[in-house]
Protein backbone atom coordinates (compact mmCIF):
# COMPACT_ATOMS: atom_id res chain seq x y z
CA MET A 1 -18.09 2.18 -11.03
CA ALA A 2 -14.68 2.67 -9.45
CA SER A 3 -11.76 3.78 -11.60
CA ILE A 4 -8.23 5.16 -11.42
CA ASP A 5 -6.79 7.10 -14.36
CA ILE A 6 -3.17 8.16 -14.14
CA HIS A 7 -1.72 10.27 -16.93
CA ASP A 8 2.00 10.97 -17.25
CA ILE A 9 2.73 11.55 -13.55
CA SER A 10 6.20 12.17 -12.13
CA VAL A 11 7.19 12.43 -8.46
CA GLU A 12 10.48 13.89 -7.21
CA PHE A 13 11.97 14.27 -3.73
CA PRO A 14 14.46 17.13 -3.11
CA LEU A 15 17.68 16.27 -1.25
CA TYR A 16 17.92 19.08 1.28
CA HIS A 17 21.23 17.86 2.72
CA ALA A 18 22.91 16.94 -0.52
CA ASP A 19 26.21 18.51 0.57
CA SER A 20 26.87 15.41 2.64
CA ARG A 21 29.35 13.25 0.75
CA SER A 22 28.12 10.06 2.42
CA LEU A 23 24.52 10.86 1.49
CA LYS A 24 25.52 11.61 -2.09
CA LYS A 25 27.41 8.34 -2.31
CA THR A 26 24.50 6.36 -0.88
CA MET A 27 21.89 7.99 -3.05
CA PHE A 28 23.91 7.54 -6.23
CA ALA A 29 24.47 3.89 -5.39
CA VAL A 30 20.81 3.19 -4.66
CA ALA A 31 19.22 5.41 -7.29
CA ALA A 32 21.71 5.30 -10.16
CA GLY A 33 20.45 7.41 -12.99
CA ARG A 34 17.64 8.94 -10.90
CA ILE A 35 19.43 11.99 -9.43
CA GLY A 36 18.58 15.28 -11.10
CA GLU A 37 17.75 18.91 -10.31
CA ASP A 38 14.39 20.53 -9.61
CA ALA A 39 13.26 23.99 -10.77
CA LYS A 40 15.25 25.58 -7.90
CA HIS A 41 18.42 23.69 -8.91
CA ARG A 42 18.30 21.46 -5.81
CA PRO A 43 19.47 17.86 -6.21
CA CYS A 44 16.47 15.54 -6.19
CA VAL A 45 15.58 11.88 -6.59
CA SER A 46 13.22 11.02 -9.44
CA ALA A 47 10.92 8.53 -7.66
CA LEU A 48 8.33 8.13 -10.44
CA ARG A 49 8.80 9.03 -14.08
CA ASN A 50 6.04 9.46 -16.67
CA ILE A 51 3.64 6.86 -15.27
CA THR A 52 0.43 6.33 -17.26
CA LEU A 53 -2.10 3.71 -16.10
CA SER A 54 -5.82 3.07 -16.27
CA LEU A 55 -7.56 0.81 -13.74
CA SER A 56 -11.25 -0.06 -13.78
CA SER A 57 -13.71 -2.10 -11.75
CA GLY A 58 -12.63 -5.73 -11.59
CA ASP A 59 -8.89 -5.02 -11.80
CA ARG A 60 -6.76 -6.87 -9.25
CA VAL A 61 -3.33 -5.35 -9.80
CA GLY A 62 -0.08 -6.58 -8.30
CA ILE A 63 2.95 -4.27 -8.37
CA ILE A 64 6.35 -5.95 -8.39
CA GLY A 65 9.93 -4.75 -8.67
CA SER A 66 13.15 -4.51 -6.70
CA ASN A 67 13.50 -2.38 -3.58
CA GLY A 68 13.49 1.28 -4.61
CA ALA A 69 11.66 0.61 -7.87
CA GLY A 70 8.84 3.02 -6.94
CA LYS A 71 6.12 0.57 -5.83
CA THR A 72 5.26 2.20 -2.51
CA THR A 73 5.65 5.70 -3.95
CA LEU A 74 3.09 4.85 -6.63
CA LEU A 75 0.66 3.53 -4.00
CA ARG A 76 1.12 6.63 -1.84
CA THR A 77 0.56 8.86 -4.84
CA MET A 78 -2.68 7.01 -5.65
CA ALA A 79 -3.73 7.47 -2.02
CA GLY A 80 -3.13 11.23 -2.19
CA ILE A 81 -0.22 11.20 0.27
CA TYR A 82 2.26 12.39 -2.38
CA GLU A 83 1.40 15.02 -4.96
CA PRO A 84 2.77 14.51 -8.48
CA LEU A 85 5.19 17.13 -9.76
CA ARG A 86 3.68 16.67 -13.22
CA GLY A 87 0.71 14.84 -14.67
CA GLN A 88 -2.78 14.12 -13.39
CA ILE A 89 -4.61 11.47 -11.35
CA SER A 90 -8.37 11.02 -11.55
CA ILE A 91 -10.00 8.68 -9.02
CA CYS A 92 -13.64 7.65 -8.81
CA GLY A 93 -14.59 5.71 -5.68
CA ALA A 94 -13.89 5.51 -1.95
CA ILE A 95 -10.29 4.50 -1.15
CA THR A 96 -8.90 2.50 1.76
CA ALA A 97 -5.10 2.51 1.87
CA LEU A 98 -3.28 -0.13 3.95
CA LEU A 99 0.15 1.40 3.51
CA ASP A 100 1.43 1.87 7.05
CA PRO A 101 0.38 0.32 10.38
CA SER A 102 -0.19 3.71 12.02
CA GLN A 103 -1.51 5.50 8.94
CA GLY A 104 -4.27 7.95 9.80
CA MET A 105 -3.78 7.55 13.55
CA ASN A 106 -2.80 10.25 16.02
CA LEU A 107 -0.26 8.57 18.29
CA GLU A 108 -0.97 11.02 21.11
CA LEU A 109 -4.64 10.02 21.23
CA THR A 110 -5.95 6.84 22.83
CA GLY A 111 -6.93 3.81 20.81
CA ARG A 112 -10.61 4.54 21.46
CA GLU A 113 -10.24 8.16 20.38
CA ASN A 114 -8.57 7.04 17.16
CA ILE A 115 -11.45 4.68 16.41
CA ARG A 116 -14.00 7.48 16.84
CA LEU A 117 -11.83 9.84 14.80
CA ARG A 118 -11.72 7.31 11.94
CA GLY A 119 -15.50 6.99 12.07
CA LEU A 120 -15.96 10.76 11.90
CA PHE A 121 -13.51 10.99 9.00
CA ASN A 122 -15.58 8.44 7.09
CA GLY A 123 -18.80 10.35 7.74
CA LEU A 124 -20.36 7.77 10.07
CA ASN A 125 -23.23 8.71 12.38
CA PRO A 126 -23.02 8.07 16.18
CA GLN A 127 -24.69 4.65 15.93
CA GLN A 128 -22.35 3.57 13.12
CA ILE A 129 -19.34 4.80 15.11
CA ASP A 130 -20.48 2.71 18.09
CA ARG A 131 -20.67 -0.37 15.83
CA LEU A 132 -17.24 0.46 14.40
CA GLN A 133 -15.82 0.71 17.90
CA ALA A 134 -17.32 -2.65 18.92
CA ASP A 135 -16.00 -4.34 15.77
CA VAL A 136 -12.46 -2.96 16.10
CA THR A 137 -12.33 -3.72 19.83
CA THR A 138 -13.41 -7.33 19.34
CA PHE A 139 -11.19 -8.02 16.36
CA SER A 140 -8.02 -6.35 17.64
CA GLU A 141 -8.35 -7.92 21.13
CA LEU A 142 -7.00 -4.67 22.62
CA GLU A 143 -9.93 -3.71 24.83
CA GLN A 144 -7.84 -3.32 27.99
CA PHE A 145 -5.43 -0.98 26.16
CA LEU A 146 -7.87 1.29 24.31
CA GLU A 147 -7.76 4.00 26.99
CA LEU A 148 -3.98 4.36 26.58
CA PRO A 149 -2.24 6.63 24.03
CA VAL A 150 -1.25 4.72 20.89
CA ARG A 151 2.36 5.91 21.34
CA THR A 152 2.59 3.52 24.32
CA TYR A 153 1.61 0.49 22.21
CA SER A 154 4.07 -2.13 21.05
CA SER A 155 4.62 -2.44 17.30
CA GLY A 156 2.45 -5.57 17.26
CA MET A 157 -0.39 -3.74 19.01
CA VAL A 158 -0.17 -0.88 16.52
CA VAL A 159 -0.44 -3.39 13.65
CA ARG A 160 -3.51 -4.99 15.28
CA LEU A 161 -5.27 -1.66 15.78
CA GLY A 162 -4.27 -0.34 12.35
CA PHE A 163 -5.40 -3.52 10.61
CA ALA A 164 -8.71 -3.66 12.48
CA LEU A 165 -9.42 0.00 11.72
CA ALA A 166 -8.46 -0.25 8.06
CA THR A 167 -10.51 -3.38 7.40
CA ALA A 168 -13.63 -2.43 9.35
CA ILE A 169 -14.99 -0.18 6.57
CA LYS A 170 -15.45 -1.74 3.12
CA PRO A 171 -13.79 0.26 0.32
CA GLN A 172 -14.43 0.47 -3.40
CA ILE A 173 -10.69 0.84 -4.04
CA LEU A 174 -8.20 -1.02 -1.83
CA LEU A 175 -4.51 -0.06 -1.88
CA MET A 176 -2.22 -2.44 0.01
CA ASP A 177 1.48 -2.52 0.78
CA GLU A 178 3.04 -5.77 1.96
CA TRP A 179 3.29 -4.76 5.65
CA ILE A 180 -0.31 -5.95 6.02
CA LEU A 181 0.83 -9.51 5.27
CA ALA A 182 3.61 -9.51 7.87
CA GLY A 183 1.92 -9.42 11.26
CA ASP A 184 2.57 -11.97 13.99
CA ALA A 185 1.56 -15.50 12.97
CA SER A 186 -1.32 -15.95 15.41
CA PHE A 187 -2.92 -12.63 14.48
CA MET A 188 -2.49 -13.09 10.72
CA ALA A 189 -4.09 -16.54 10.91
CA LYS A 190 -7.13 -14.87 12.42
CA ALA A 191 -6.96 -11.93 10.01
CA LYS A 192 -6.62 -13.95 6.79
CA HIS A 193 -10.34 -14.53 6.26
CA ARG A 194 -11.21 -10.90 7.03
CA LEU A 195 -8.57 -9.64 4.61
CA GLU A 196 -9.57 -12.01 1.82
CA THR A 197 -13.22 -10.98 2.24
CA MET A 198 -12.18 -7.35 1.96
CA VAL A 199 -10.09 -8.05 -1.15
CA ARG A 200 -12.98 -9.87 -2.84
CA GLY A 201 -15.41 -7.07 -1.95
CA ALA A 202 -13.30 -4.23 -3.36
CA GLU A 203 -13.98 -3.15 -6.94
CA ILE A 204 -10.28 -2.39 -7.51
CA LEU A 205 -7.28 -3.89 -5.67
CA VAL A 206 -3.74 -2.54 -6.00
CA LEU A 207 -1.18 -4.61 -4.07
CA SER A 208 2.57 -4.14 -3.77
CA SER A 209 4.29 -7.37 -2.75
CA HIS A 210 7.49 -9.37 -3.11
CA SER A 211 5.47 -12.60 -2.80
CA PRO A 212 4.72 -14.16 -6.21
CA VAL A 213 2.32 -16.61 -4.55
CA ILE A 214 0.16 -13.80 -3.13
CA ILE A 215 0.26 -12.06 -6.52
CA MET A 216 -0.89 -15.21 -8.30
CA GLN A 217 -3.65 -15.87 -5.78
CA TRP A 218 -5.14 -12.39 -5.65
CA CYS A 219 -4.27 -10.59 -8.89
CA ASN A 220 -5.37 -10.74 -12.53
CA ARG A 221 -2.88 -8.11 -13.70
CA VAL A 222 0.73 -7.35 -12.78
CA ILE A 223 2.76 -4.17 -13.23
CA TRP A 224 6.55 -4.54 -13.15
CA MET A 225 8.35 -1.36 -12.03
CA GLU A 226 12.04 -0.52 -12.31
CA GLN A 227 13.81 2.79 -11.69
CA GLY A 228 10.52 4.61 -11.13
CA GLU A 229 9.03 3.54 -14.47
CA VAL A 230 6.63 0.86 -15.68
CA LYS A 231 8.75 -1.81 -17.35
CA ALA A 232 5.90 -4.20 -18.21
CA ASP A 233 2.15 -4.59 -17.69
CA GLY A 234 0.25 -7.83 -18.30
CA THR A 235 -1.14 -11.03 -16.82
CA PRO A 236 0.50 -12.61 -13.74
CA GLU A 237 1.77 -15.50 -15.87
CA GLU A 238 3.35 -13.20 -18.46
CA ILE A 239 4.99 -10.74 -16.09
CA LEU A 240 6.05 -13.09 -13.29
CA GLY A 241 7.33 -15.54 -15.89
CA ALA A 242 9.66 -12.83 -17.19
CA TYR A 243 10.51 -11.37 -13.76
CA LEU A 244 11.34 -14.55 -11.84
CA PRO A 245 13.98 -17.23 -12.49
CA PRO A 246 12.27 -20.26 -14.13
CA GLU A 247 12.56 -22.54 -11.10
CA GLN A 248 11.20 -19.87 -8.73
CA PHE A 249 8.29 -19.16 -11.08
CA ALA A 250 7.43 -22.87 -11.34
CA HIS A 251 7.56 -23.24 -7.55
CA ALA A 252 5.29 -20.19 -7.04
CA GLN A 253 2.80 -21.59 -9.56
CA ALA A 254 2.71 -24.93 -7.76
CA VAL A 255 2.23 -23.36 -4.32
CA ALA A 256 -0.42 -20.93 -5.56
CA SER A 257 -2.42 -23.70 -7.28
CA VAL A 258 -2.45 -25.80 -4.11
CA ALA A 259 -3.46 -22.82 -1.95
CA ILE A 260 -6.34 -21.93 -4.28
């Protein structure tokens, strides 16, 4: 059974160039009340503060909040990209993190080399890697470009390869940031079924999104973050009803019910 247990974690980012007046002004404006000092007396931004959460199999969690609220930082901390300054995270289960189009890829390697590298990282045998390569090649429609370094790809091509790679292996725990929902229209129409199948197959889903419709369609629990802290945690109806203006909430409910 997959699970995520987070106990009292905090994440801080030092400001190494804090002597810049313009940087200070910007950071104070964006992160009011979140500038402090670390143990070495360097100015730092408090990105997450005293977060405690418990997620178990069957949880479909949407994370909402304004820009800078800590949504992506929380996802990256769950994925092991950021290490908490304080607190502990305990994770049981295989994780797939869809947090960045080029995440886990070496841009100097070719597309084909990145596919094989992903297979090796996931412990696949040669036959499984061959099947992975065939699946990613077919789905991404990038066969003629796979011998080129990824750094030469357009942003749309990177999204296609990153999406195909990330969704080719079924996870127990799926962490998603909203970039995955913002590809070009023709590709996302094709990708929708694959992504929904992956979401349904995961034991735990954690999704950061500004779209209340997506949250209502896919999630059974919503966490509202502000200023790096959990402001509220409950059902989509409870939290989105408090977070959104009444007319926007009613519209999202109507659209989500039709889509379902």
